[in-house]
Amino acid sequence: MKNFKQLLILALVVTLIFAVGCQGSTGKYIDGVYNGSGEGKFGPMKVEVTVEKGKISAIKILEHSETPGLSDPIIEKIPQEIIKAQSTEISAISGATVTSDGIISAVQDAIKNASK
């Protein structure tokens, strides 16, 4: 009976060590670099999404056909908002809804294979 208690305690300790060790990769995504595409106002938009430690850490707009200058603030802000929220459930920018939705859609396409 004493050996059984020791074995049980050892099993609990190993389980706790394993559980604590797995906490380093918290987040809802699998680490990696993912590409996706969505439809902007003037054509396809391609993005690259980087996931580190289970969280979206970077979003790069690789290609787009949106109006230079006018779309620049949207192309900068929407990825920042997605990273901040760790979700694509964000509001589009008024007056640039189609461009915003194109980026959001492209990120959704990229991370669909990154979900745990």
C-alpha atoms as a PDB file:
ATOM      1  CA  MET A   1       0.000   0.000   0.000  1.00  0.00           C
ATOM      2  CA  LYS A   2       2.891   2.358   0.771  1.00  0.00           C
ATOM      3  CA  ASN A   3       4.347   1.748  -2.717  1.00  0.00           C
ATOM      4  CA  PHE A   4       0.960   2.503  -4.278  1.00  0.00           C
ATOM      5  CA  LYS A   5       0.792   5.898  -2.491  1.00  0.00           C
ATOM      6  CA  GLN A   6       4.339   6.725  -3.591  1.00  0.00           C
ATOM      7  CA  LEU A   7       3.529   5.743  -7.155  1.00  0.00           C
ATOM      8  CA  LEU A   8       0.380   7.855  -7.078  1.00  0.00           C
ATOM      9  CA  ILE A   9       2.288  10.869  -5.746  1.00  0.00           C
ATOM     10  CA  LEU A  10       4.957  10.392  -8.394  1.00  0.00           C
ATOM     11  CA  ALA A  11       2.298  10.236 -11.119  1.00  0.00           C
ATOM     12  CA  LEU A  12       0.731  13.469  -9.842  1.00  0.00           C
ATOM     13  CA  VAL A  13       4.109  15.224  -9.766  1.00  0.00           C
ATOM     14  CA  VAL A  14       4.890  14.121 -13.339  1.00  0.00           C
ATOM     15  CA  THR A  15       1.454  15.302 -14.478  1.00  0.00           C
ATOM     16  CA  LEU A  16       1.967  18.707 -12.854  1.00  0.00           C
ATOM     17  CA  ILE A  17       5.415  19.076 -14.411  1.00  0.00           C
ATOM     18  CA  PHE A  18       3.990  18.223 -17.808  1.00  0.00           C
ATOM     19  CA  ALA A  19       1.095  20.671 -17.379  1.00  0.00           C
ATOM     20  CA  VAL A  20       3.394  23.509 -16.322  1.00  0.00           C
ATOM     21  CA  GLY A  21       5.792  22.758 -19.181  1.00  0.00           C
ATOM     22  CA  CYS A  22       3.013  23.015 -21.751  1.00  0.00           C
ATOM     23  CA  GLN A  23       2.002  26.498 -20.640  1.00  0.00           C
ATOM     24  CA  GLY A  24       4.803  28.066 -22.694  1.00  0.00           C
ATOM     25  CA  SER A  25       2.756  27.727 -25.862  1.00  0.00           C
ATOM     26  CA  THR A  26      -0.454  29.338 -24.670  1.00  0.00           C
ATOM     27  CA  GLY A  27      -2.703  30.886 -27.246  1.00  0.00           C
ATOM     28  CA  LYS A  28      -5.229  29.641 -29.693  1.00  0.00           C
ATOM     29  CA  TYR A  29      -3.029  29.261 -32.768  1.00  0.00           C
ATOM     30  CA  ILE A  30      -0.240  26.933 -33.881  1.00  0.00           C
ATOM     31  CA  ASP A  31       3.089  28.721 -34.317  1.00  0.00           C
ATOM     32  CA  GLY A  32       4.175  29.338 -37.894  1.00  0.00           C
ATOM     33  CA  VAL A  33       3.867  31.645 -40.887  1.00  0.00           C
ATOM     34  CA  TYR A  34       0.622  31.483 -42.844  1.00  0.00           C
ATOM     35  CA  ASN A  35      -0.481  33.083 -46.124  1.00  0.00           C
ATOM     36  CA  GLY A  36      -4.003  34.021 -47.060  1.00  0.00           C
ATOM     37  CA  SER A  37      -5.990  36.081 -49.506  1.00  0.00           C
ATOM     38  CA  GLY A  38      -9.141  38.149 -49.494  1.00  0.00           C
ATOM     39  CA  GLU A  39     -10.935  40.473 -51.874  1.00  0.00           C
ATOM     40  CA  GLY A  40     -10.345  44.208 -51.555  1.00  0.00           C
ATOM     41  CA  LYS A  41     -12.157  47.003 -53.360  1.00  0.00           C
ATOM     42  CA  PHE A  42      -9.928  46.792 -56.441  1.00  0.00           C
ATOM     43  CA  GLY A  43      -8.833  43.163 -56.418  1.00  0.00           C
ATOM     44  CA  PRO A  44      -7.189  40.445 -54.357  1.00  0.00           C
ATOM     45  CA  MET A  45      -5.238  41.157 -51.181  1.00  0.00           C
ATOM     46  CA  LYS A  46      -2.551  38.770 -49.981  1.00  0.00           C
ATOM     47  CA  VAL A  47      -1.244  38.656 -46.429  1.00  0.00           C
ATOM     48  CA  GLU A  48       1.346  36.837 -44.378  1.00  0.00           C
ATOM     49  CA  VAL A  49       0.449  36.136 -40.749  1.00  0.00           C
ATOM     50  CA  THR A  50       3.091  35.156 -38.203  1.00  0.00           C
ATOM     51  CA  VAL A  51       2.047  33.242 -35.090  1.00  0.00           C
ATOM     52  CA  GLU A  52       4.439  32.983 -32.139  1.00  0.00           C
ATOM     53  CA  LYS A  53       3.694  31.388 -28.776  1.00  0.00           C
ATOM     54  CA  GLY A  54       0.157  30.722 -29.969  1.00  0.00           C
ATOM     55  CA  LYS A  55      -0.616  34.370 -30.714  1.00  0.00           C
ATOM     56  CA  ILE A  56      -0.705  36.485 -33.849  1.00  0.00           C
ATOM     57  CA  SER A  57       2.510  38.501 -33.675  1.00  0.00           C
ATOM     58  CA  ALA A  58       2.739  40.077 -37.142  1.00  0.00           C
ATOM     59  CA  ILE A  59       0.636  40.662 -40.236  1.00  0.00           C
ATOM     60  CA  LYS A  60       2.217  41.793 -43.505  1.00  0.00           C
ATOM     61  CA  ILE A  61       0.218  42.905 -46.524  1.00  0.00           C
ATOM     62  CA  LEU A  62       2.102  41.232 -49.371  1.00  0.00           C
ATOM     63  CA  GLU A  63      -0.023  42.380 -52.326  1.00  0.00           C
ATOM     64  CA  HIS A  64      -2.974  44.664 -52.932  1.00  0.00           C
ATOM     65  CA  SER A  65      -4.506  46.801 -55.663  1.00  0.00           C
ATOM     66  CA  GLU A  66      -6.007  49.445 -53.395  1.00  0.00           C
ATOM     67  CA  THR A  67      -5.464  53.156 -54.073  1.00  0.00           C
ATOM     68  CA  PRO A  68      -1.984  54.178 -52.889  1.00  0.00           C
ATOM     69  CA  GLY A  69      -2.077  56.901 -50.264  1.00  0.00           C
ATOM     70  CA  LEU A  70      -5.775  56.498 -49.517  1.00  0.00           C
ATOM     71  CA  SER A  71      -5.489  52.883 -48.426  1.00  0.00           C
ATOM     72  CA  ASP A  72      -2.212  53.265 -46.499  1.00  0.00           C
ATOM     73  CA  PRO A  73      -3.800  54.157 -43.125  1.00  0.00           C
ATOM     74  CA  ILE A  74      -6.212  51.198 -43.405  1.00  0.00           C
ATOM     75  CA  ILE A  75      -3.423  48.821 -44.406  1.00  0.00           C
ATOM     76  CA  GLU A  76      -1.513  49.957 -41.331  1.00  0.00           C
ATOM     77  CA  LYS A  77      -4.361  50.093 -38.799  1.00  0.00           C
ATOM     78  CA  ILE A  78      -6.402  46.928 -39.495  1.00  0.00           C
ATOM     79  CA  PRO A  79      -3.474  44.513 -38.921  1.00  0.00           C
ATOM     80  CA  GLN A  80      -2.609  46.358 -35.685  1.00  0.00           C
ATOM     81  CA  GLU A  81      -6.201  46.014 -34.477  1.00  0.00           C
ATOM     82  CA  ILE A  82      -6.267  42.288 -35.300  1.00  0.00           C
ATOM     83  CA  ILE A  83      -3.007  41.735 -33.405  1.00  0.00           C
ATOM     84  CA  LYS A  84      -4.287  43.765 -30.447  1.00  0.00           C
ATOM     85  CA  ALA A  85      -7.582  41.840 -30.333  1.00  0.00           C
ATOM     86  CA  GLN A  86      -5.982  38.483 -31.245  1.00  0.00           C
ATOM     87  CA  SER A  87      -9.062  38.073 -33.393  1.00  0.00           C
ATOM     88  CA  THR A  88     -10.501  39.088 -36.739  1.00  0.00           C
ATOM     89  CA  GLU A  89     -13.699  40.097 -34.934  1.00  0.00           C
ATOM     90  CA  ILE A  90     -12.915  43.813 -35.241  1.00  0.00           C
ATOM     91  CA  SER A  91     -14.773  46.730 -36.795  1.00  0.00           C
ATOM     92  CA  ALA A  92     -14.017  47.841 -40.330  1.00  0.00           C
ATOM     93  CA  ILE A  93     -12.881  51.430 -40.804  1.00  0.00           C
ATOM     94  CA  SER A  94     -15.761  53.642 -41.899  1.00  0.00           C
ATOM     95  CA  GLY A  95     -15.310  54.867 -45.459  1.00  0.00           C
ATOM     96  CA  ALA A  96     -12.938  51.996 -46.192  1.00  0.00           C
ATOM     97  CA  THR A  97     -15.146  49.056 -45.367  1.00  0.00           C
ATOM     98  CA  VAL A  98     -14.326  46.973 -48.445  1.00  0.00           C
ATOM     99  CA  THR A  99     -10.561  47.384 -47.986  1.00  0.00           C
ATOM    100  CA  SER A 100     -10.870  46.658 -44.259  1.00  0.00           C
ATOM    101  CA  ASP A 101     -12.976  43.573 -44.935  1.00  0.00           C
ATOM    102  CA  GLY A 102     -10.484  42.424 -47.573  1.00  0.00           C
ATOM    103  CA  ILE A 103      -7.653  42.470 -45.043  1.00  0.00           C
ATOM    104  CA  ILE A 104      -9.779  40.814 -42.374  1.00  0.00           C
ATOM    105  CA  SER A 105     -10.874  38.133 -44.829  1.00  0.00           C
ATOM    106  CA  ALA A 106      -7.277  37.502 -45.934  1.00  0.00           C
ATOM    107  CA  VAL A 107      -6.152  37.093 -42.315  1.00  0.00           C
ATOM    108  CA  GLN A 108      -9.060  34.720 -41.644  1.00  0.00           C
ATOM    109  CA  ASP A 109      -7.975  32.697 -44.684  1.00  0.00           C
ATOM    110  CA  ALA A 110      -4.383  32.595 -43.412  1.00  0.00           C
ATOM    111  CA  ILE A 111      -5.166  31.529 -39.843  1.00  0.00           C
ATOM    112  CA  LYS A 112      -7.805  28.927 -40.665  1.00  0.00           C
ATOM    113  CA  ASN A 113      -5.026  26.305 -40.718  1.00  0.00           C
ATOM    114  CA  ALA A 114      -3.382  27.750 -37.616  1.00  0.00           C
ATOM    115  CA  SER A 115      -6.300  27.136 -35.259  1.00  0.00           C
ATOM    116  CA  LYS A 116      -5.708  24.621 -32.482  1.00  0.00           C
END
